[in-house]
Amino acid sequence: MSGPYDALDRLAQIIIALVALFALANGAFMLLAPLDWYYAVPTVPPTGPANTHFIADIGLAYLAAALMLAYAAKDPKMRWMAALAGVLWLFAHGILHIYELIVGICSPDRFIQDVPGVLGPPIMVLVAVGILIVRQRISPAGMPSWLFMMAAGDKIDESEQAYLKALVRAPGGAFEKFTHFMPASMHRHSAPADLFHIARFGATLAEDCGPCAMTCAQWALVDKIPRDTINKALAGGGELEGDEALAFRFGEAIATQSDAAFELGDQIEESYGETVRLELAASAAMVRSYPAMKRGLGLSRACSTMKLAV
């Protein structure tokens, strides 16, 4: 999920924002002018006489959904679960209409008229969140541990699975707290993707954890870093050139707590600005926590014991 928002991310964001605006407008209409709303929607009067209190109650539900969806729309990659929470009532409302159609309470004609305003909004939000999930653009923060482990599956090394399972078993919500840390270690907004991942390689290889380095390689592939570049980094960075070599040495210097990090960081900041320096430094510093944790649990494997290549 690293990197700035791309076109499909923005599409998902816009969809969620539009549904938030719809829920806000509909909810405000129901709350402020319940009778006007009752007669403005042609499929409502056939359901029975107007109850202004009940209409206002439903308006409040729409406003609550709008608030949650607006919050999610600000950063749906991080707040995708808020989008699902915000659409929960809208989705349940749509299911109720389907039920009424099935049992004969609602006629097919009236159901078809209701579809755009009743089923359309929740489906749009689910599609938007689906776009993010399918493209692995969501934060794992708050994701149920069983779902996270199922999604990870065989994509990660046994030692990676072992320390994650240890976190799942730990009491006090250790795993959920850990999933809030993971996005921070992958934060990238302004940094070029190649420099970002290469700095992570420099830091990870300095910790001498082969499986961790290969996990970094998998994330680099997701960000479309060329395999040749990844393999040069996995080989120790000796064949990297220019700014890529600079980024590797910067990550390495951070991991080894070398004074060289000051000068290397200054060079990166001079060329790319303070924000890029911050992103590279933060990720290189935090990515070290993974091999450190595995070492503490007796699960780490030295780079020399396995093939490091993609």
C-alpha atoms as a PDB file:
ATOM      1  CA  MET A   1       0.000   0.000   0.000  1.00  0.00           C
ATOM      2  CA  SER A   2       3.025   2.285  -0.268  1.00  0.00           C
ATOM      3  CA  GLY A   3       3.077   5.216  -2.651  1.00  0.00           C
ATOM      4  CA  PRO A   4       0.843   8.184  -3.412  1.00  0.00           C
ATOM      5  CA  TYR A   5      -2.720   7.772  -4.642  1.00  0.00           C
ATOM      6  CA  ASP A   6      -2.913   6.656  -8.272  1.00  0.00           C
ATOM      7  CA  ALA A   7      -5.869   6.967 -10.663  1.00  0.00           C
ATOM      8  CA  LEU A   8      -7.741   3.904  -9.382  1.00  0.00           C
ATOM      9  CA  ASP A   9      -7.151   4.932  -5.760  1.00  0.00           C
ATOM     10  CA  ARG A  10      -8.647   8.339  -6.580  1.00  0.00           C
ATOM     11  CA  LEU A  11     -11.580   6.669  -8.296  1.00  0.00           C
ATOM     12  CA  ALA A  12     -12.333   4.678  -5.153  1.00  0.00           C
ATOM     13  CA  GLN A  13     -11.968   7.834  -3.072  1.00  0.00           C
ATOM     14  CA  ILE A  14     -14.340   9.802  -5.301  1.00  0.00           C
ATOM     15  CA  ILE A  15     -16.951   7.026  -5.240  1.00  0.00           C
ATOM     16  CA  ILE A  16     -16.970   6.926  -1.448  1.00  0.00           C
ATOM     17  CA  ALA A  17     -17.129  10.738  -1.279  1.00  0.00           C
ATOM     18  CA  LEU A  18     -20.095  10.827  -3.674  1.00  0.00           C
ATOM     19  CA  VAL A  19     -22.021   8.304  -1.593  1.00  0.00           C
ATOM     20  CA  ALA A  20     -21.214  10.363   1.515  1.00  0.00           C
ATOM     21  CA  LEU A  21     -22.691  13.441  -0.191  1.00  0.00           C
ATOM     22  CA  PHE A  22     -25.785  11.475  -1.217  1.00  0.00           C
ATOM     23  CA  ALA A  23     -26.307  10.209   2.336  1.00  0.00           C
ATOM     24  CA  LEU A  24     -25.758  13.714   3.718  1.00  0.00           C
ATOM     25  CA  ALA A  25     -28.262  15.317   1.343  1.00  0.00           C
ATOM     26  CA  ASN A  26     -30.892  12.627   1.816  1.00  0.00           C
ATOM     27  CA  GLY A  27     -30.465  12.571   5.579  1.00  0.00           C
ATOM     28  CA  ALA A  28     -30.679  16.363   5.896  1.00  0.00           C
ATOM     29  CA  PHE A  29     -33.798  16.411   3.702  1.00  0.00           C
ATOM     30  CA  MET A  30     -35.484  13.745   5.841  1.00  0.00           C
ATOM     31  CA  LEU A  31     -34.558  15.463   9.085  1.00  0.00           C
ATOM     32  CA  LEU A  32     -35.375  19.061   8.144  1.00  0.00           C
ATOM     33  CA  ALA A  33     -38.426  18.547   5.920  1.00  0.00           C
ATOM     34  CA  PRO A  34     -39.814  15.051   6.553  1.00  0.00           C
ATOM     35  CA  LEU A  35     -43.200  15.642   4.884  1.00  0.00           C
ATOM     36  CA  ASP A  36     -41.626  17.222   1.822  1.00  0.00           C
ATOM     37  CA  TRP A  37     -39.275  14.210   1.579  1.00  0.00           C
ATOM     38  CA  TYR A  38     -42.238  11.833   1.969  1.00  0.00           C
ATOM     39  CA  TYR A  39     -44.034  13.281  -1.058  1.00  0.00           C
ATOM     40  CA  ALA A  40     -40.845  13.894  -3.078  1.00  0.00           C
ATOM     41  CA  VAL A  41     -40.049  10.167  -3.290  1.00  0.00           C
ATOM     42  CA  PRO A  42     -42.861   8.564  -5.325  1.00  0.00           C
ATOM     43  CA  THR A  43     -42.354   5.041  -3.972  1.00  0.00           C
ATOM     44  CA  VAL A  44     -42.752   6.077  -0.315  1.00  0.00           C
ATOM     45  CA  PRO A  45     -46.487   7.086  -0.007  1.00  0.00           C
ATOM     46  CA  PRO A  46     -47.694   3.621  -1.151  1.00  0.00           C
ATOM     47  CA  THR A  47     -45.934   2.125   1.900  1.00  0.00           C
ATOM     48  CA  GLY A  48     -48.314   3.862   4.326  1.00  0.00           C
ATOM     49  CA  PRO A  49     -49.140   7.207   5.971  1.00  0.00           C
ATOM     50  CA  ALA A  50     -46.340   9.631   6.803  1.00  0.00           C
ATOM     51  CA  ASN A  51     -44.747   9.431  10.239  1.00  0.00           C
ATOM     52  CA  THR A  52     -42.544  12.526  10.544  1.00  0.00           C
ATOM     53  CA  HIS A  53     -40.767  11.282  13.666  1.00  0.00           C
ATOM     54  CA  PHE A  54     -39.899   7.978  12.018  1.00  0.00           C
ATOM     55  CA  ILE A  55     -38.726   9.743   8.846  1.00  0.00           C
ATOM     56  CA  ALA A  56     -36.471  12.024  10.936  1.00  0.00           C
ATOM     57  CA  ASP A  57     -35.069   8.961  12.747  1.00  0.00           C
ATOM     58  CA  ILE A  58     -34.073   7.418   9.416  1.00  0.00           C
ATOM     59  CA  GLY A  59     -32.621  10.777   8.390  1.00  0.00           C
ATOM     60  CA  LEU A  60     -30.313  10.610  11.405  1.00  0.00           C
ATOM     61  CA  ALA A  61     -29.181   7.145  10.296  1.00  0.00           C
ATOM     62  CA  TYR A  62     -28.320   8.562   6.879  1.00  0.00           C
ATOM     63  CA  LEU A  63     -26.410  11.444   8.481  1.00  0.00           C
ATOM     64  CA  ALA A  64     -24.435   9.022  10.645  1.00  0.00           C
ATOM     65  CA  ALA A  65     -23.562   6.997   7.547  1.00  0.00           C
ATOM     66  CA  ALA A  66     -22.562  10.200   5.738  1.00  0.00           C
ATOM     67  CA  LEU A  67     -20.242  11.216   8.576  1.00  0.00           C
ATOM     68  CA  MET A  68     -18.497   7.846   8.624  1.00  0.00           C
ATOM     69  CA  LEU A  69     -18.162   7.724   4.827  1.00  0.00           C
ATOM     70  CA  ALA A  70     -16.798  11.280   4.692  1.00  0.00           C
ATOM     71  CA  TYR A  71     -14.183  10.277   7.259  1.00  0.00           C
ATOM     72  CA  ALA A  72     -13.289   7.227   5.159  1.00  0.00           C
ATOM     73  CA  ALA A  73     -13.136   9.235   1.930  1.00  0.00           C
ATOM     74  CA  LYS A  74     -10.321  11.398   3.308  1.00  0.00           C
ATOM     75  CA  ASP A  75      -7.939   8.423   3.168  1.00  0.00           C
ATOM     76  CA  PRO A  76      -9.714   5.226   2.089  1.00  0.00           C
ATOM     77  CA  LYS A  77      -6.488   3.201   1.901  1.00  0.00           C
ATOM     78  CA  MET A  78      -6.063   3.645   5.654  1.00  0.00           C
ATOM     79  CA  ARG A  79      -9.769   4.018   6.533  1.00  0.00           C
ATOM     80  CA  TRP A  80     -11.362   1.338   4.383  1.00  0.00           C
ATOM     81  CA  MET A  81     -12.922  -0.302   7.437  1.00  0.00           C
ATOM     82  CA  ALA A  82     -14.622   3.005   8.255  1.00  0.00           C
ATOM     83  CA  ALA A  83     -16.091   2.914   4.743  1.00  0.00           C
ATOM     84  CA  LEU A  84     -17.514  -0.552   5.434  1.00  0.00           C
ATOM     85  CA  ALA A  85     -18.897   0.613   8.779  1.00  0.00           C
ATOM     86  CA  GLY A  86     -20.417   3.668   7.134  1.00  0.00           C
ATOM     87  CA  VAL A  87     -22.133   1.636   4.455  1.00  0.00           C
ATOM     88  CA  LEU A  88     -23.412  -1.045   6.833  1.00  0.00           C
ATOM     89  CA  TRP A  89     -26.807   0.582   7.423  1.00  0.00           C
ATOM     90  CA  LEU A  90     -27.223   1.451   3.738  1.00  0.00           C
ATOM     91  CA  PHE A  91     -26.438  -2.152   2.837  1.00  0.00           C
ATOM     92  CA  ALA A  92     -28.879  -3.520   5.424  1.00  0.00           C
ATOM     93  CA  HIS A  93     -31.528  -1.145   4.069  1.00  0.00           C
ATOM     94  CA  GLY A  94     -30.970  -2.538   0.593  1.00  0.00           C
ATOM     95  CA  ILE A  95     -31.220  -6.122   1.850  1.00  0.00           C
ATOM     96  CA  LEU A  96     -34.569  -5.260   3.468  1.00  0.00           C
ATOM     97  CA  HIS A  97     -35.895  -4.049   0.114  1.00  0.00           C
ATOM     98  CA  ILE A  98     -34.759  -7.272  -1.550  1.00  0.00           C
ATOM     99  CA  TYR A  99     -36.517  -9.275   1.175  1.00  0.00           C
ATOM    100  CA  GLU A 100     -39.735  -7.319   0.661  1.00  0.00           C
ATOM    101  CA  LEU A 101     -39.557  -8.023  -3.063  1.00  0.00           C
ATOM    102  CA  ILE A 102     -39.056 -11.757  -2.463  1.00  0.00           C
ATOM    103  CA  VAL A 103     -41.983 -12.101  -0.027  1.00  0.00           C
ATOM    104  CA  GLY A 104     -44.297  -9.899  -2.098  1.00  0.00           C
ATOM    105  CA  ILE A 105     -44.491  -6.843   0.160  1.00  0.00           C
ATOM    106  CA  CYS A 106     -42.885  -4.711  -2.560  1.00  0.00           C
ATOM    107  CA  SER A 107     -43.941  -4.889  -6.211  1.00  0.00           C
ATOM    108  CA  PRO A 108     -41.279  -5.401  -8.892  1.00  0.00           C
ATOM    109  CA  ASP A 109     -42.065  -1.995 -10.425  1.00  0.00           C
ATOM    110  CA  ARG A 110     -41.590  -0.163  -7.130  1.00  0.00           C
ATOM    111  CA  PHE A 111     -38.431  -2.165  -6.386  1.00  0.00           C
ATOM    112  CA  ILE A 112     -36.904  -1.176  -9.727  1.00  0.00           C
ATOM    113  CA  GLN A 113     -37.695   2.476  -9.013  1.00  0.00           C
ATOM    114  CA  ASP A 114     -35.972   2.193  -5.617  1.00  0.00           C
ATOM    115  CA  VAL A 115     -32.830   0.412  -6.858  1.00  0.00           C
ATOM    116  CA  PRO A 116     -30.766   3.505  -7.816  1.00  0.00           C
ATOM    117  CA  GLY A 117     -31.227   5.233  -4.462  1.00  0.00           C
ATOM    118  CA  VAL A 118     -31.400   2.175  -2.191  1.00  0.00           C
ATOM    119  CA  LEU A 119     -29.050  -0.446  -3.644  1.00  0.00           C
ATOM    120  CA  GLY A 120     -26.883   1.844  -5.770  1.00  0.00           C
ATOM    121  CA  PRO A 121     -24.998   3.655  -2.946  1.00  0.00           C
ATOM    122  CA  PRO A 122     -23.945   0.580  -0.912  1.00  0.00           C
ATOM    123  CA  ILE A 123     -22.914  -1.279  -4.057  1.00  0.00           C
ATOM    124  CA  MET A 124     -20.797   1.705  -5.107  1.00  0.00           C
ATOM    125  CA  VAL A 125     -18.966   1.756  -1.771  1.00  0.00           C
ATOM    126  CA  LEU A 126     -18.381  -2.004  -1.847  1.00  0.00           C
ATOM    127  CA  VAL A 127     -16.981  -1.696  -5.377  1.00  0.00           C
ATOM    128  CA  ALA A 128     -14.698   1.152  -4.268  1.00  0.00           C
ATOM    129  CA  VAL A 129     -13.341  -0.833  -1.315  1.00  0.00           C
ATOM    130  CA  GLY A 130     -13.017  -3.879  -3.574  1.00  0.00           C
ATOM    131  CA  ILE A 131     -10.823  -1.898  -5.974  1.00  0.00           C
ATOM    132  CA  LEU A 132      -8.459  -1.147  -3.110  1.00  0.00           C
ATOM    133  CA  ILE A 133      -8.464  -4.675  -1.680  1.00  0.00           C
ATOM    134  CA  VAL A 134      -7.844  -6.443  -4.997  1.00  0.00           C
ATOM    135  CA  ARG A 135      -4.896  -4.149  -5.699  1.00  0.00           C
ATOM    136  CA  GLN A 136      -3.432  -4.622  -2.189  1.00  0.00           C
ATOM    137  CA  ARG A 137      -3.798  -0.920  -1.475  1.00  0.00           C
ATOM    138  CA  ILE A 138      -5.359  -1.202   1.984  1.00  0.00           C
ATOM    139  CA  SER A 139      -3.864  -0.955   5.448  1.00  0.00           C
ATOM    140  CA  PRO A 140      -3.954  -4.152   7.531  1.00  0.00           C
ATOM    141  CA  ALA A 141      -4.785  -2.054  10.616  1.00  0.00           C
ATOM    142  CA  GLY A 142      -7.861  -3.493  12.310  1.00  0.00           C
ATOM    143  CA  MET A 143      -8.064  -6.493   9.971  1.00  0.00           C
ATOM    144  CA  PRO A 144      -9.051  -9.691  11.824  1.00  0.00           C
ATOM    145  CA  SER A 145      -5.996 -11.858  12.430  1.00  0.00           C
ATOM    146  CA  TRP A 146      -7.536 -14.904  10.735  1.00  0.00           C
ATOM    147  CA  LEU A 147      -8.231 -12.884   7.594  1.00  0.00           C
ATOM    148  CA  PHE A 148      -4.728 -11.423   7.540  1.00  0.00           C
ATOM    149  CA  MET A 149      -3.112 -14.840   7.949  1.00  0.00           C
ATOM    150  CA  MET A 150      -5.360 -16.344   5.271  1.00  0.00           C
ATOM    151  CA  ALA A 151      -4.438 -13.547   2.853  1.00  0.00           C
ATOM    152  CA  ALA A 152      -0.737 -13.965   3.613  1.00  0.00           C
ATOM    153  CA  GLY A 153      -0.953 -17.718   3.068  1.00  0.00           C
ATOM    154  CA  ASP A 154       2.096 -19.251   1.427  1.00  0.00           C
ATOM    155  CA  LYS A 155       3.388 -15.882   0.218  1.00  0.00           C
ATOM    156  CA  ILE A 156       5.595 -15.452   3.280  1.00  0.00           C
ATOM    157  CA  ASP A 157       8.427 -17.516   4.727  1.00  0.00           C
ATOM    158  CA  GLU A 158       7.826 -19.981   7.574  1.00  0.00           C
ATOM    159  CA  SER A 159       9.728 -17.761   9.996  1.00  0.00           C
ATOM    160  CA  GLU A 160       7.549 -14.833   8.954  1.00  0.00           C
ATOM    161  CA  GLN A 161       4.433 -16.896   9.623  1.00  0.00           C
ATOM    162  CA  ALA A 162       5.852 -18.053  12.958  1.00  0.00           C
ATOM    163  CA  TYR A 163       6.341 -14.594  14.456  1.00  0.00           C
ATOM    164  CA  LEU A 164       2.952 -13.431  13.159  1.00  0.00           C
ATOM    165  CA  LYS A 165       1.304 -16.451  14.778  1.00  0.00           C
ATOM    166  CA  ALA A 166       3.151 -15.624  18.006  1.00  0.00           C
ATOM    167  CA  LEU A 167       1.629 -12.144  17.872  1.00  0.00           C
ATOM    168  CA  VAL A 168      -1.825 -13.597  17.232  1.00  0.00           C
ATOM    169  CA  ARG A 169      -1.477 -15.846  20.294  1.00  0.00           C
ATOM    170  CA  ALA A 170      -0.202 -13.042  22.512  1.00  0.00           C
ATOM    171  CA  PRO A 171      -2.801 -11.529  24.870  1.00  0.00           C
ATOM    172  CA  GLY A 172      -3.794  -7.893  25.082  1.00  0.00           C
ATOM    173  CA  GLY A 173      -4.455  -7.303  21.376  1.00  0.00           C
ATOM    174  CA  ALA A 174      -0.779  -7.544  20.405  1.00  0.00           C
ATOM    175  CA  PHE A 175      -1.497  -8.475  16.797  1.00  0.00           C
ATOM    176  CA  GLU A 176      -3.971  -5.646  16.217  1.00  0.00           C
ATOM    177  CA  LYS A 177      -1.512  -3.138  17.659  1.00  0.00           C
ATOM    178  CA  PHE A 178       1.174  -4.555  15.361  1.00  0.00           C
ATOM    179  CA  THR A 179      -1.022  -4.085  12.285  1.00  0.00           C
ATOM    180  CA  HIS A 180      -1.186  -0.375  13.084  1.00  0.00           C
ATOM    181  CA  PHE A 181       2.615  -0.263  13.003  1.00  0.00           C
ATOM    182  CA  MET A 182       2.976  -2.022   9.657  1.00  0.00           C
ATOM    183  CA  PRO A 183       1.592   0.840   7.483  1.00  0.00           C
ATOM    184  CA  ALA A 184       3.994   3.296   9.137  1.00  0.00           C
ATOM    185  CA  SER A 185       6.953   1.136   8.126  1.00  0.00           C
ATOM    186  CA  MET A 186       5.732   1.258   4.511  1.00  0.00           C
ATOM    187  CA  HIS A 187       4.836   4.955   4.338  1.00  0.00           C
ATOM    188  CA  ARG A 188       5.760   6.471   0.966  1.00  0.00           C
ATOM    189  CA  HIS A 189       4.203   9.534  -0.592  1.00  0.00           C
ATOM    190  CA  SER A 190       6.907  11.634  -2.259  1.00  0.00           C
ATOM    191  CA  ALA A 191       9.908   9.320  -2.424  1.00  0.00           C
ATOM    192  CA  PRO A 192      10.686   7.612  -5.756  1.00  0.00           C
ATOM    193  CA  ALA A 193       9.686   3.958  -5.454  1.00  0.00           C
ATOM    194  CA  ASP A 194      13.110   2.602  -6.395  1.00  0.00           C
ATOM    195  CA  LEU A 195      14.990   4.682  -3.812  1.00  0.00           C
ATOM    196  CA  PHE A 196      12.414   3.876  -1.139  1.00  0.00           C
ATOM    197  CA  HIS A 197      12.689   0.125  -1.542  1.00  0.00           C
ATOM    198  CA  ILE A 198      16.441   0.128  -2.013  1.00  0.00           C
ATOM    199  CA  ALA A 199      16.888   2.013   1.278  1.00  0.00           C
ATOM    200  CA  ARG A 200      14.795  -0.719   2.912  1.00  0.00           C
ATOM    201  CA  PHE A 201      17.046  -3.373   1.379  1.00  0.00           C
ATOM    202  CA  GLY A 202      20.114  -1.634   2.778  1.00  0.00           C
ATOM    203  CA  ALA A 203      18.648  -1.600   6.278  1.00  0.00           C
ATOM    204  CA  THR A 204      17.262  -5.152   6.117  1.00  0.00           C
ATOM    205  CA  LEU A 205      20.420  -6.761   4.776  1.00  0.00           C
ATOM    206  CA  ALA A 206      22.427  -5.048   7.516  1.00  0.00           C
ATOM    207  CA  GLU A 207      20.272  -7.011   9.972  1.00  0.00           C
ATOM    208  CA  ASP A 208      21.283 -10.262   8.198  1.00  0.00           C
ATOM    209  CA  CYS A 209      17.770 -11.679   7.883  1.00  0.00           C
ATOM    210  CA  GLY A 210      17.282 -13.520   4.592  1.00  0.00           C
ATOM    211  CA  PRO A 211      13.483 -14.062   4.819  1.00  0.00           C
ATOM    212  CA  CYS A 212      13.016 -10.391   5.748  1.00  0.00           C
ATOM    213  CA  ALA A 213      15.010  -9.367   2.688  1.00  0.00           C
ATOM    214  CA  MET A 214      12.824 -11.552   0.487  1.00  0.00           C
ATOM    215  CA  THR A 215       9.686 -10.016   2.014  1.00  0.00           C
ATOM    216  CA  CYS A 216      11.106  -6.606   1.063  1.00  0.00           C
ATOM    217  CA  ALA A 217      11.670  -7.983  -2.421  1.00  0.00           C
ATOM    218  CA  GLN A 218       8.029  -9.038  -2.730  1.00  0.00           C
ATOM    219  CA  TRP A 219       6.848  -5.540  -1.780  1.00  0.00           C
ATOM    220  CA  ALA A 220       9.293  -4.040  -4.264  1.00  0.00           C
ATOM    221  CA  LEU A 221       7.792  -6.226  -6.994  1.00  0.00           C
ATOM    222  CA  VAL A 222       4.315  -4.971  -6.046  1.00  0.00           C
ATOM    223  CA  ASP A 223       5.613  -1.435  -6.626  1.00  0.00           C
ATOM    224  CA  LYS A 224       6.935  -2.566 -10.043  1.00  0.00           C
ATOM    225  CA  ILE A 225      10.624  -2.208  -9.226  1.00  0.00           C
ATOM    226  CA  PRO A 226      12.624  -4.023 -11.958  1.00  0.00           C
ATOM    227  CA  ARG A 227      13.811  -7.491 -10.962  1.00  0.00           C
ATOM    228  CA  ASP A 228      17.352  -6.625 -12.038  1.00  0.00           C
ATOM    229  CA  THR A 229      17.406  -3.701  -9.607  1.00  0.00           C
ATOM    230  CA  ILE A 230      15.971  -5.851  -6.815  1.00  0.00           C
ATOM    231  CA  ASN A 231      18.565  -8.574  -7.378  1.00  0.00           C
ATOM    232  CA  LYS A 232      21.399  -6.038  -7.357  1.00  0.00           C
ATOM    233  CA  ALA A 233      20.156  -4.800  -4.008  1.00  0.00           C
ATOM    234  CA  LEU A 234      19.763  -8.348  -2.667  1.00  0.00           C
ATOM    235  CA  ALA A 235      23.351  -9.063  -3.755  1.00  0.00           C
ATOM    236  CA  GLY A 236      24.584  -6.370  -1.384  1.00  0.00           C
ATOM    237  CA  GLY A 237      24.119  -3.247  -3.467  1.00  0.00           C
ATOM    238  CA  GLY A 238      27.621  -3.310  -4.935  1.00  0.00           C
ATOM    239  CA  GLU A 239      26.378  -3.067  -8.516  1.00  0.00           C
ATOM    240  CA  LEU A 240      23.905  -0.260  -7.848  1.00  0.00           C
ATOM    241  CA  GLU A 241      24.801   3.123  -9.260  1.00  0.00           C
ATOM    242  CA  GLY A 242      24.004   6.793  -8.678  1.00  0.00           C
ATOM    243  CA  ASP A 243      21.122   7.635  -6.391  1.00  0.00           C
ATOM    244  CA  GLU A 244      20.177   3.991  -6.005  1.00  0.00           C
ATOM    245  CA  ALA A 245      23.593   3.279  -4.489  1.00  0.00           C
ATOM    246  CA  LEU A 246      23.163   6.365  -2.303  1.00  0.00           C
ATOM    247  CA  ALA A 247      19.785   5.139  -1.030  1.00  0.00           C
ATOM    248  CA  PHE A 248      21.186   1.673  -0.274  1.00  0.00           C
ATOM    249  CA  ARG A 249      24.105   3.090   1.715  1.00  0.00           C
ATOM    250  CA  PHE A 250      21.729   5.441   3.538  1.00  0.00           C
ATOM    251  CA  GLY A 251      19.500   2.552   4.669  1.00  0.00           C
ATOM    252  CA  GLU A 252      22.554   0.526   5.611  1.00  0.00           C
ATOM    253  CA  ALA A 253      24.038   3.420   7.611  1.00  0.00           C
ATOM    254  CA  ILE A 254      20.777   3.855   9.530  1.00  0.00           C
ATOM    255  CA  ALA A 255      20.660   0.152  10.393  1.00  0.00           C
ATOM    256  CA  THR A 256      24.289   0.072  11.539  1.00  0.00           C
ATOM    257  CA  GLN A 257      23.961   3.413  13.369  1.00  0.00           C
ATOM    258  CA  SER A 258      26.823   4.802  11.328  1.00  0.00           C
ATOM    259  CA  ASP A 259      27.679   8.512  11.328  1.00  0.00           C
ATOM    260  CA  ALA A 260      27.705   8.239   7.533  1.00  0.00           C
ATOM    261  CA  ALA A 261      23.908   8.494   7.702  1.00  0.00           C
ATOM    262  CA  PHE A 262      24.205  12.243   8.344  1.00  0.00           C
ATOM    263  CA  GLU A 263      26.154  12.986   5.158  1.00  0.00           C
ATOM    264  CA  LEU A 264      24.203  10.521   3.046  1.00  0.00           C
ATOM    265  CA  GLY A 265      20.929  11.959   4.307  1.00  0.00           C
ATOM    266  CA  ASP A 266      22.108  15.472   3.480  1.00  0.00           C
ATOM    267  CA  GLN A 267      22.855  14.374  -0.094  1.00  0.00           C
ATOM    268  CA  ILE A 268      19.391  12.847  -0.453  1.00  0.00           C
ATOM    269  CA  GLU A 269      17.749  15.962   0.972  1.00  0.00           C
ATOM    270  CA  GLU A 270      19.733  18.220  -1.360  1.00  0.00           C
ATOM    271  CA  SER A 271      18.553  16.251  -4.390  1.00  0.00           C
ATOM    272  CA  TYR A 272      15.016  15.306  -3.372  1.00  0.00           C
ATOM    273  CA  GLY A 273      13.985  17.434  -0.389  1.00  0.00           C
ATOM    274  CA  GLU A 274      13.338  16.892   3.283  1.00  0.00           C
ATOM    275  CA  THR A 275      10.160  14.844   2.801  1.00  0.00           C
ATOM    276  CA  VAL A 276      11.931  12.185   0.736  1.00  0.00           C
ATOM    277  CA  ARG A 277      14.745  12.016   3.278  1.00  0.00           C
ATOM    278  CA  LEU A 278      12.147  11.554   6.015  1.00  0.00           C
ATOM    279  CA  GLU A 279      10.342   8.758   4.176  1.00  0.00           C
ATOM    280  CA  LEU A 280      13.533   6.848   3.435  1.00  0.00           C
ATOM    281  CA  ALA A 281      14.851   7.321   6.961  1.00  0.00           C
ATOM    282  CA  ALA A 282      11.585   6.340   8.638  1.00  0.00           C
ATOM    283  CA  SER A 283      11.114   3.193   6.571  1.00  0.00           C
ATOM    284  CA  ALA A 284      14.754   2.119   6.903  1.00  0.00           C
ATOM    285  CA  ALA A 285      14.549   2.607  10.669  1.00  0.00           C
ATOM    286  CA  MET A 286      11.233   0.803  11.131  1.00  0.00           C
ATOM    287  CA  VAL A 287      11.867  -2.090   8.755  1.00  0.00           C
ATOM    288  CA  ARG A 288      14.610  -3.192  11.150  1.00  0.00           C
ATOM    289  CA  SER A 289      11.988  -4.065  13.761  1.00  0.00           C
ATOM    290  CA  TYR A 290      10.895  -7.148  11.808  1.00  0.00           C
ATOM    291  CA  PRO A 291      14.254  -8.981  11.824  1.00  0.00           C
ATOM    292  CA  ALA A 292      14.879  -7.738  15.364  1.00  0.00           C
ATOM    293  CA  MET A 293      11.616  -9.293  16.562  1.00  0.00           C
ATOM    294  CA  LYS A 294      12.352 -12.548  14.777  1.00  0.00           C
ATOM    295  CA  ARG A 295      15.827 -12.639  16.273  1.00  0.00           C
ATOM    296  CA  GLY A 296      14.332 -12.157  19.719  1.00  0.00           C
ATOM    297  CA  LEU A 297      11.983 -15.079  19.094  1.00  0.00           C
ATOM    298  CA  GLY A 298      14.794 -17.281  17.749  1.00  0.00           C
ATOM    299  CA  LEU A 299      13.318 -17.346  14.250  1.00  0.00           C
ATOM    300  CA  SER A 300      15.796 -15.425  12.098  1.00  0.00           C
ATOM    301  CA  ARG A 301      17.841 -16.995   9.315  1.00  0.00           C
ATOM    302  CA  ALA A 302      21.073 -15.461   8.055  1.00  0.00           C
ATOM    303  CA  CYS A 303      21.157 -14.199   4.472  1.00  0.00           C
ATOM    304  CA  SER A 304      24.035 -16.572   3.740  1.00  0.00           C
ATOM    305  CA  THR A 305      21.806 -19.605   4.392  1.00  0.00           C
ATOM    306  CA  MET A 306      19.370 -18.936   1.566  1.00  0.00           C
ATOM    307  CA  LYS A 307      19.250 -17.732  -2.025  1.00  0.00           C
ATOM    308  CA  LEU A 308      18.416 -14.049  -2.251  1.00  0.00           C
ATOM    309  CA  ALA A 309      16.996 -13.438  -5.723  1.00  0.00           C
ATOM    310  CA  VAL A 310      13.680 -12.922  -7.477  1.00  0.00           C
END
